[in-house]
Amino acid sequence: MTTMSAQPHTASVADRETKLRALLRSLGRLLIAYSGGVDSAFLAWAAHGELGDGMLAVLADSPSLARSQMRDALAFAEEHQIPLVVVETAEMDRAAYLRNDAERCYHCKDELFTVMEQYRREHGFDAIAYGVNVDDQGDYRPGQNAARQHNVAAPLLEAGLTKDDVRQLAREAGLRIWDKPASACLSSRIEYGRPVTREALAAIEEGEEALRRLGFRQCRVRHHGSIVRLEIARDELPRALTAEMAAEFTRIFKALGFSYVTLDLEGFRSGSMNAMLPLESLRPKTGTLEVGGEGSSLHSKATPVELTNAKEKGRGSRTR
């Protein structure tokens, strides 16, 4: 169960929500990069409240999106009558993405925003937004460089909303996703330097589904080749640290092709694969992000970077 700091809904959080809604109205006809996670789901819900049919949630379908996550994202949009289109992205056709180095997330987001930009032009939308928040600035996230290069708006960040703010506002709005565990794409579970393959993604997805069937809510299957490293939230670890559960883990993951099955005693932590990166990989490579000034308080100072060539795709089926 996700916990939040025990703070009342202060005026400052209310002010930030008011700013968010004003920002959304100012963006005009808007595409939202939507994954079904708490940030993008709250952003899509808020945008729909302000813009009605002047917004569209865009859900990218690829092998790196778990089927359970896709089903839940579709269900949330349907529950709140949020306009939705599903598009296919082709990051698996990009050698730079499959290489799985420190810039993998950049190539994924570059593909997503290339597809969304094509859809925006073809269907008369004014802008694209995504669900990055203030807390995301404290981690290594090269995908944000792609967002800046594609001029993608970041309304949650611009409004000054943290992850706890988003969860609190979602809870007060009665949105069931307010405490949904964070879940990055399946490729993020593969150790850097090991190529991304459909087979590895399928093993990770099946393994995490098996852990959830065992009742573990916050968990990760980390792929290290012949070794699988299981991360389970610290408050759930006691149930994992039994001989019976060890035998069950062994049965499940050896059947998925792993030779060695390990349980990480530090428990679940988001972005733990980044600990394997050399320090120089974590330094920003393309510009800075400023908050404040010149009308819109969020603007880019990215240095010129040649965007990766990708097929422009904008096809999809719009649903309500």
Protein backbone atom coordinates (compact mmCIF):
# COMPACT_ATOMS: atom_id res chain seq x y z
CA MET A 1 0.00 0.00 0.00
CA THR A 2 1.34 3.39 -0.99
CA THR A 3 1.74 5.81 1.90
CA MET A 4 1.97 9.58 1.80
CA SER A 5 3.21 12.11 4.28
CA ALA A 6 0.39 12.99 6.67
CA GLN A 7 -0.23 16.57 5.57
CA PRO A 8 -3.54 18.38 5.18
CA HIS A 9 -4.59 19.71 1.78
CA THR A 10 -2.91 23.06 2.35
CA ALA A 11 -3.62 26.25 0.43
CA SER A 12 -0.31 25.83 -1.40
CA VAL A 13 -1.38 22.46 -2.84
CA ALA A 14 -4.74 23.98 -3.78
CA ASP A 15 -2.95 26.89 -5.44
CA ARG A 16 -0.77 24.48 -7.40
CA GLU A 17 -3.84 22.58 -8.57
CA THR A 18 -5.44 25.86 -9.66
CA LYS A 19 -2.28 26.71 -11.59
CA LEU A 20 -2.30 23.28 -13.23
CA ARG A 21 -5.86 23.74 -14.46
CA ALA A 22 -5.06 27.20 -15.83
CA LEU A 23 -2.03 25.81 -17.63
CA LEU A 24 -4.11 23.05 -19.19
CA ARG A 25 -6.67 25.55 -20.48
CA SER A 26 -3.89 27.67 -21.97
CA LEU A 27 -2.52 24.79 -24.05
CA GLY A 28 -5.56 24.55 -26.33
CA ARG A 29 -6.40 21.26 -28.03
CA LEU A 30 -4.16 18.87 -26.19
CA LEU A 31 -2.68 15.38 -26.52
CA ILE A 32 -1.69 13.70 -23.25
CA ALA A 33 1.01 11.01 -23.22
CA TYR A 34 -0.90 8.46 -21.15
CA SER A 35 0.33 5.23 -19.57
CA GLY A 36 -2.27 4.68 -16.85
CA GLY A 37 0.16 5.47 -14.04
CA VAL A 38 -0.96 7.89 -11.34
CA ASP A 39 0.75 10.94 -12.88
CA SER A 40 -0.47 10.56 -16.46
CA ALA A 41 -3.89 9.31 -15.34
CA PHE A 42 -4.42 12.29 -13.04
CA LEU A 43 -3.16 14.64 -15.76
CA ALA A 44 -5.52 13.12 -18.35
CA TRP A 45 -8.43 13.29 -15.90
CA ALA A 46 -7.71 16.94 -15.05
CA ALA A 47 -7.25 17.86 -18.73
CA HIS A 48 -10.57 16.23 -19.59
CA GLY A 49 -12.23 18.22 -16.84
CA GLU A 50 -10.88 21.48 -18.26
CA LEU A 51 -10.93 20.78 -22.01
CA GLY A 52 -13.60 18.13 -22.52
CA ASP A 53 -13.31 16.71 -26.03
CA GLY A 54 -10.53 19.22 -26.68
CA MET A 55 -8.11 16.68 -25.20
CA LEU A 56 -7.11 13.17 -26.15
CA ALA A 57 -5.15 10.62 -24.11
CA VAL A 58 -2.59 8.76 -26.23
CA LEU A 59 -1.66 5.28 -25.03
CA ALA A 60 1.43 3.79 -26.71
CA ASP A 61 1.29 0.05 -27.30
CA SER A 62 4.58 -1.84 -27.56
CA PRO A 63 6.18 -5.03 -26.17
CA SER A 64 7.59 -3.00 -23.25
CA LEU A 65 4.09 -2.28 -21.92
CA ALA A 66 2.74 -5.07 -19.72
CA ARG A 67 -0.69 -6.28 -20.84
CA SER A 68 -2.08 -5.86 -17.31
CA GLN A 69 -0.95 -2.22 -17.32
CA MET A 70 -2.56 -1.64 -20.69
CA ARG A 71 -5.86 -3.19 -19.58
CA ASP A 72 -5.90 -1.01 -16.47
CA ALA A 73 -5.11 2.14 -18.46
CA LEU A 74 -7.95 1.41 -20.86
CA ALA A 75 -10.31 0.69 -17.97
CA PHE A 76 -9.51 3.96 -16.17
CA ALA A 77 -10.12 6.00 -19.31
CA GLU A 78 -13.42 4.23 -19.87
CA GLU A 79 -14.50 4.73 -16.25
CA HIS A 80 -14.07 8.50 -16.60
CA GLN A 81 -15.10 8.80 -20.27
CA ILE A 82 -11.68 10.20 -21.16
CA PRO A 83 -11.17 10.26 -24.95
CA LEU A 84 -8.43 7.80 -25.81
CA VAL A 85 -6.44 6.63 -28.81
CA VAL A 86 -4.06 3.67 -28.84
CA VAL A 87 -1.04 4.05 -31.14
CA GLU A 88 1.76 1.64 -31.90
CA THR A 89 5.33 2.75 -31.27
CA ALA A 90 8.35 1.12 -32.86
CA GLU A 91 11.18 1.58 -30.38
CA MET A 92 11.97 -2.12 -30.87
CA ASP A 93 13.01 -1.22 -34.44
CA ARG A 94 15.66 1.19 -33.16
CA ALA A 95 19.13 -0.27 -32.72
CA ALA A 96 20.01 2.48 -30.25
CA TYR A 97 17.08 1.43 -28.05
CA LEU A 98 17.82 -2.28 -28.25
CA ARG A 99 21.44 -1.60 -27.29
CA ASN A 100 20.12 -0.69 -23.82
CA ASP A 101 22.75 1.79 -22.75
CA ALA A 102 22.24 4.75 -20.43
CA GLU A 103 20.22 6.58 -23.12
CA ARG A 104 17.63 3.85 -23.69
CA CYS A 105 14.82 5.90 -22.14
CA TYR A 106 15.69 8.82 -24.42
CA HIS A 107 15.18 6.69 -27.54
CA CYS A 108 11.89 5.32 -26.21
CA LYS A 109 10.49 8.78 -25.49
CA ASP A 110 11.84 10.15 -28.77
CA GLU A 111 9.88 7.46 -30.60
CA LEU A 112 6.75 8.18 -28.56
CA PHE A 113 6.87 11.94 -29.11
CA THR A 114 7.67 11.51 -32.82
CA VAL A 115 4.51 9.42 -33.20
CA MET A 116 2.48 11.89 -31.12
CA GLU A 117 3.77 14.90 -33.07
CA GLN A 118 2.68 13.29 -36.33
CA TYR A 119 -0.74 12.57 -34.82
CA ARG A 120 -0.97 16.15 -33.53
CA ARG A 121 -0.33 17.61 -37.00
CA GLU A 122 -2.71 15.25 -38.76
CA HIS A 123 -5.60 15.78 -36.33
CA GLY A 124 -5.36 19.49 -35.56
CA PHE A 125 -4.16 19.45 -31.95
CA ASP A 126 -2.20 22.38 -30.57
CA ALA A 127 0.14 20.80 -28.04
CA ILE A 128 1.43 17.64 -26.36
CA ALA A 129 1.86 17.19 -22.60
CA TYR A 130 3.24 14.46 -20.36
CA GLY A 131 3.13 13.62 -16.65
CA VAL A 132 6.57 14.47 -15.32
CA ASN A 133 6.45 15.97 -11.81
CA VAL A 134 8.81 17.84 -9.47
CA ASP A 135 10.15 14.70 -7.80
CA ASP A 136 11.19 13.26 -11.16
CA GLN A 137 13.90 15.91 -11.35
CA GLY A 138 15.84 14.08 -8.63
CA ASP A 139 16.49 10.92 -10.68
CA TYR A 140 18.31 10.08 -13.90
CA ARG A 141 15.63 10.34 -16.59
CA PRO A 142 17.04 10.90 -20.11
CA GLY A 143 13.52 10.71 -21.54
CA GLN A 144 13.05 14.28 -20.32
CA ASN A 145 15.63 15.40 -22.89
CA ALA A 146 13.42 13.97 -25.65
CA ALA A 147 10.43 15.81 -24.23
CA ARG A 148 12.29 19.11 -24.30
CA GLN A 149 13.52 18.55 -27.84
CA HIS A 150 9.96 17.87 -28.99
CA ASN A 151 8.59 20.89 -27.07
CA VAL A 152 6.34 18.71 -24.94
CA ALA A 153 4.64 20.58 -22.11
CA ALA A 154 5.07 19.44 -18.49
CA PRO A 155 2.05 20.89 -16.66
CA LEU A 156 2.50 18.98 -13.38
CA LEU A 157 6.10 20.13 -13.15
CA GLU A 158 5.28 23.66 -14.19
CA ALA A 159 2.56 23.86 -11.55
CA GLY A 160 5.08 22.70 -8.93
CA LEU A 161 3.28 19.45 -8.10
CA THR A 162 5.19 16.65 -6.37
CA LYS A 163 4.34 12.95 -6.47
CA ASP A 164 2.67 13.21 -3.07
CA ASP A 165 0.67 16.22 -4.29
CA VAL A 166 -0.58 14.25 -7.29
CA ARG A 167 -1.52 11.25 -5.14
CA GLN A 168 -3.30 13.49 -2.64
CA LEU A 169 -5.28 15.32 -5.31
CA ALA A 170 -6.17 12.03 -7.01
CA ARG A 171 -7.36 10.57 -3.71
CA GLU A 172 -9.48 13.60 -2.93
CA ALA A 173 -10.99 13.39 -6.41
CA GLY A 174 -11.98 9.77 -5.72
CA LEU A 175 -9.69 8.35 -8.39
CA ARG A 176 -8.88 4.69 -7.70
CA ILE A 177 -5.36 5.08 -9.08
CA TRP A 178 -4.28 7.45 -6.28
CA ASP A 179 -2.17 4.74 -4.61
CA LYS A 180 -1.28 2.71 -7.69
CA PRO A 181 2.31 1.47 -7.42
CA ALA A 182 4.79 3.07 -9.78
CA SER A 183 5.57 0.88 -12.78
CA ALA A 184 8.16 1.86 -15.39
CA CYS A 185 8.35 0.08 -18.75
CA LEU A 186 9.46 -3.55 -18.79
CA SER A 187 12.75 -2.67 -20.51
CA SER A 188 13.86 -0.80 -17.40
CA ARG A 189 14.16 -4.19 -15.64
CA ILE A 190 16.98 -5.35 -17.94
CA GLU A 191 20.51 -4.52 -16.79
CA TYR A 192 22.24 -1.84 -18.84
CA GLY A 193 24.35 -3.25 -21.66
CA ARG A 194 22.23 -6.36 -22.06
CA PRO A 195 20.18 -6.06 -25.28
CA VAL A 196 16.43 -5.63 -25.03
CA THR A 197 14.68 -8.62 -26.58
CA ARG A 198 11.06 -9.64 -26.83
CA GLU A 199 11.92 -12.88 -25.02
CA ALA A 200 13.43 -11.02 -22.05
CA LEU A 201 10.44 -8.67 -21.87
CA ALA A 202 8.01 -11.62 -21.93
CA ALA A 203 9.89 -13.39 -19.11
CA ILE A 204 9.87 -10.22 -16.98
CA GLU A 205 6.17 -9.63 -17.57
CA GLU A 206 5.22 -13.22 -16.79
CA GLY A 207 7.42 -13.19 -13.69
CA GLU A 208 5.91 -10.02 -12.30
CA GLU A 209 2.41 -11.29 -12.96
CA ALA A 210 3.30 -14.43 -11.00
CA LEU A 211 4.56 -12.34 -8.07
CA ARG A 212 1.34 -10.36 -8.05
CA ARG A 213 -0.67 -13.57 -8.03
CA LEU A 214 1.29 -14.51 -4.91
CA GLY A 215 0.02 -11.30 -3.34
CA PHE A 216 3.08 -9.04 -3.70
CA ARG A 217 1.93 -5.56 -4.66
CA GLN A 218 5.16 -3.61 -5.18
CA CYS A 219 7.80 -5.73 -6.89
CA ARG A 220 10.27 -5.86 -9.76
CA VAL A 221 11.85 -8.68 -11.75
CA ARG A 222 15.39 -7.51 -12.58
CA HIS A 223 16.94 -9.36 -15.52
CA HIS A 224 20.70 -10.08 -15.27
CA GLY A 225 20.95 -12.74 -17.97
CA SER A 226 20.98 -16.18 -16.34
CA ILE A 227 20.33 -14.49 -12.96
CA VAL A 228 17.02 -12.98 -11.91
CA ARG A 229 17.04 -10.52 -9.00
CA LEU A 230 13.67 -10.07 -7.30
CA GLU A 231 12.89 -6.78 -5.57
CA ILE A 232 9.94 -6.75 -3.20
CA ALA A 233 8.78 -3.80 -1.08
CA ARG A 234 10.37 -3.83 2.36
CA ASP A 235 7.05 -4.06 4.16
CA GLU A 236 6.29 -7.21 2.13
CA LEU A 237 9.72 -8.81 2.53
CA PRO A 238 8.96 -10.86 5.67
CA ARG A 239 6.47 -12.96 3.70
CA ALA A 240 9.06 -13.46 0.95
CA LEU A 241 11.77 -14.60 3.39
CA THR A 242 10.44 -18.06 4.05
CA ALA A 243 11.61 -21.44 2.83
CA GLU A 244 8.22 -22.09 1.26
CA MET A 245 8.26 -18.83 -0.72
CA ALA A 246 11.87 -19.40 -1.76
CA ALA A 247 10.85 -22.74 -3.25
CA GLU A 248 7.95 -21.10 -5.08
CA PHE A 249 10.20 -18.33 -6.47
CA THR A 250 12.65 -20.99 -7.66
CA ARG A 251 9.94 -22.99 -9.37
CA ILE A 252 8.47 -19.95 -11.15
CA PHE A 253 11.65 -18.36 -12.42
CA LYS A 254 13.53 -21.49 -13.41
CA ALA A 255 10.50 -22.34 -15.54
CA LEU A 256 10.98 -18.93 -17.20
CA GLY A 257 14.54 -19.82 -18.18
CA PHE A 258 16.66 -18.36 -15.39
CA SER A 259 19.47 -20.50 -13.97
CA TYR A 260 19.78 -18.64 -10.67
CA VAL A 261 17.01 -17.04 -8.61
CA THR A 262 17.91 -14.34 -6.07
CA LEU A 263 15.99 -12.11 -3.68
CA ASP A 264 17.38 -8.59 -3.14
CA LEU A 265 17.54 -7.99 0.62
CA GLU A 266 17.43 -4.20 0.14
CA GLY A 267 13.90 -4.57 -1.15
CA PHE A 268 12.21 -2.63 -3.93
CA ARG A 269 13.63 0.75 -4.94
CA SER A 270 12.74 2.63 -8.08
CA GLY A 271 15.56 3.04 -10.59
CA SER A 272 17.91 0.62 -8.86
CA MET A 273 19.50 -0.31 -12.20
CA ASN A 274 20.89 3.23 -12.38
CA ALA A 275 23.35 2.30 -9.62
CA MET A 276 25.24 0.33 -12.27
CA LEU A 277 25.87 3.40 -14.45
CA PRO A 278 29.19 5.26 -14.34
CA LEU A 279 28.95 8.78 -12.95
CA GLU A 280 29.63 10.43 -16.30
CA SER A 281 26.53 8.76 -17.76
CA LEU A 282 24.34 10.53 -15.21
CA ARG A 283 25.45 14.03 -16.12
CA PRO A 284 22.99 16.03 -18.28
CA LYS A 285 23.98 16.07 -21.94
CA THR A 286 21.43 18.37 -23.55
CA GLY A 287 20.68 21.70 -21.96
CA THR A 288 18.93 22.78 -18.82
CA LEU A 289 15.38 23.21 -17.64
CA GLU A 290 14.29 26.52 -16.19
CA VAL A 291 11.19 27.17 -14.16
CA GLY A 292 9.93 30.73 -14.21
CA GLY A 293 9.79 33.69 -16.53
CA GLU A 294 8.67 34.67 -20.04
CA GLY A 295 4.98 33.92 -19.93
CA SER A 296 5.07 30.18 -19.67
CA SER A 297 7.12 29.38 -16.60
CA LEU A 298 8.64 26.30 -18.19
CA HIS A 299 10.96 26.67 -21.15
CA SER A 300 13.84 24.78 -22.66
CA LYS A 301 17.44 25.72 -23.21
CA ALA A 302 18.41 22.49 -24.94
CA THR A 303 21.53 22.55 -27.04
CA PRO A 304 21.05 21.52 -30.69
CA VAL A 305 20.82 17.76 -30.94
CA GLU A 306 20.10 15.78 -34.04
CA LEU A 307 16.93 13.85 -33.33
CA THR A 308 16.96 10.18 -34.18
CA ASN A 309 15.27 9.50 -37.50
CA ALA A 310 12.15 7.47 -37.02
CA LYS A 311 9.16 6.49 -39.03
CA GLU A 312 6.38 8.95 -38.40
CA LYS A 313 3.30 7.05 -37.41
CA GLY A 314 0.00 8.45 -36.32
CA ARG A 315 -2.49 5.70 -36.86
CA GLY A 316 -4.69 4.48 -34.08
CA SER A 317 -8.25 3.74 -33.07
CA ARG A 318 -10.00 6.40 -31.04
CA THR A 319 -12.31 5.16 -28.33
CA ARG A 320 -14.52 6.69 -25.69
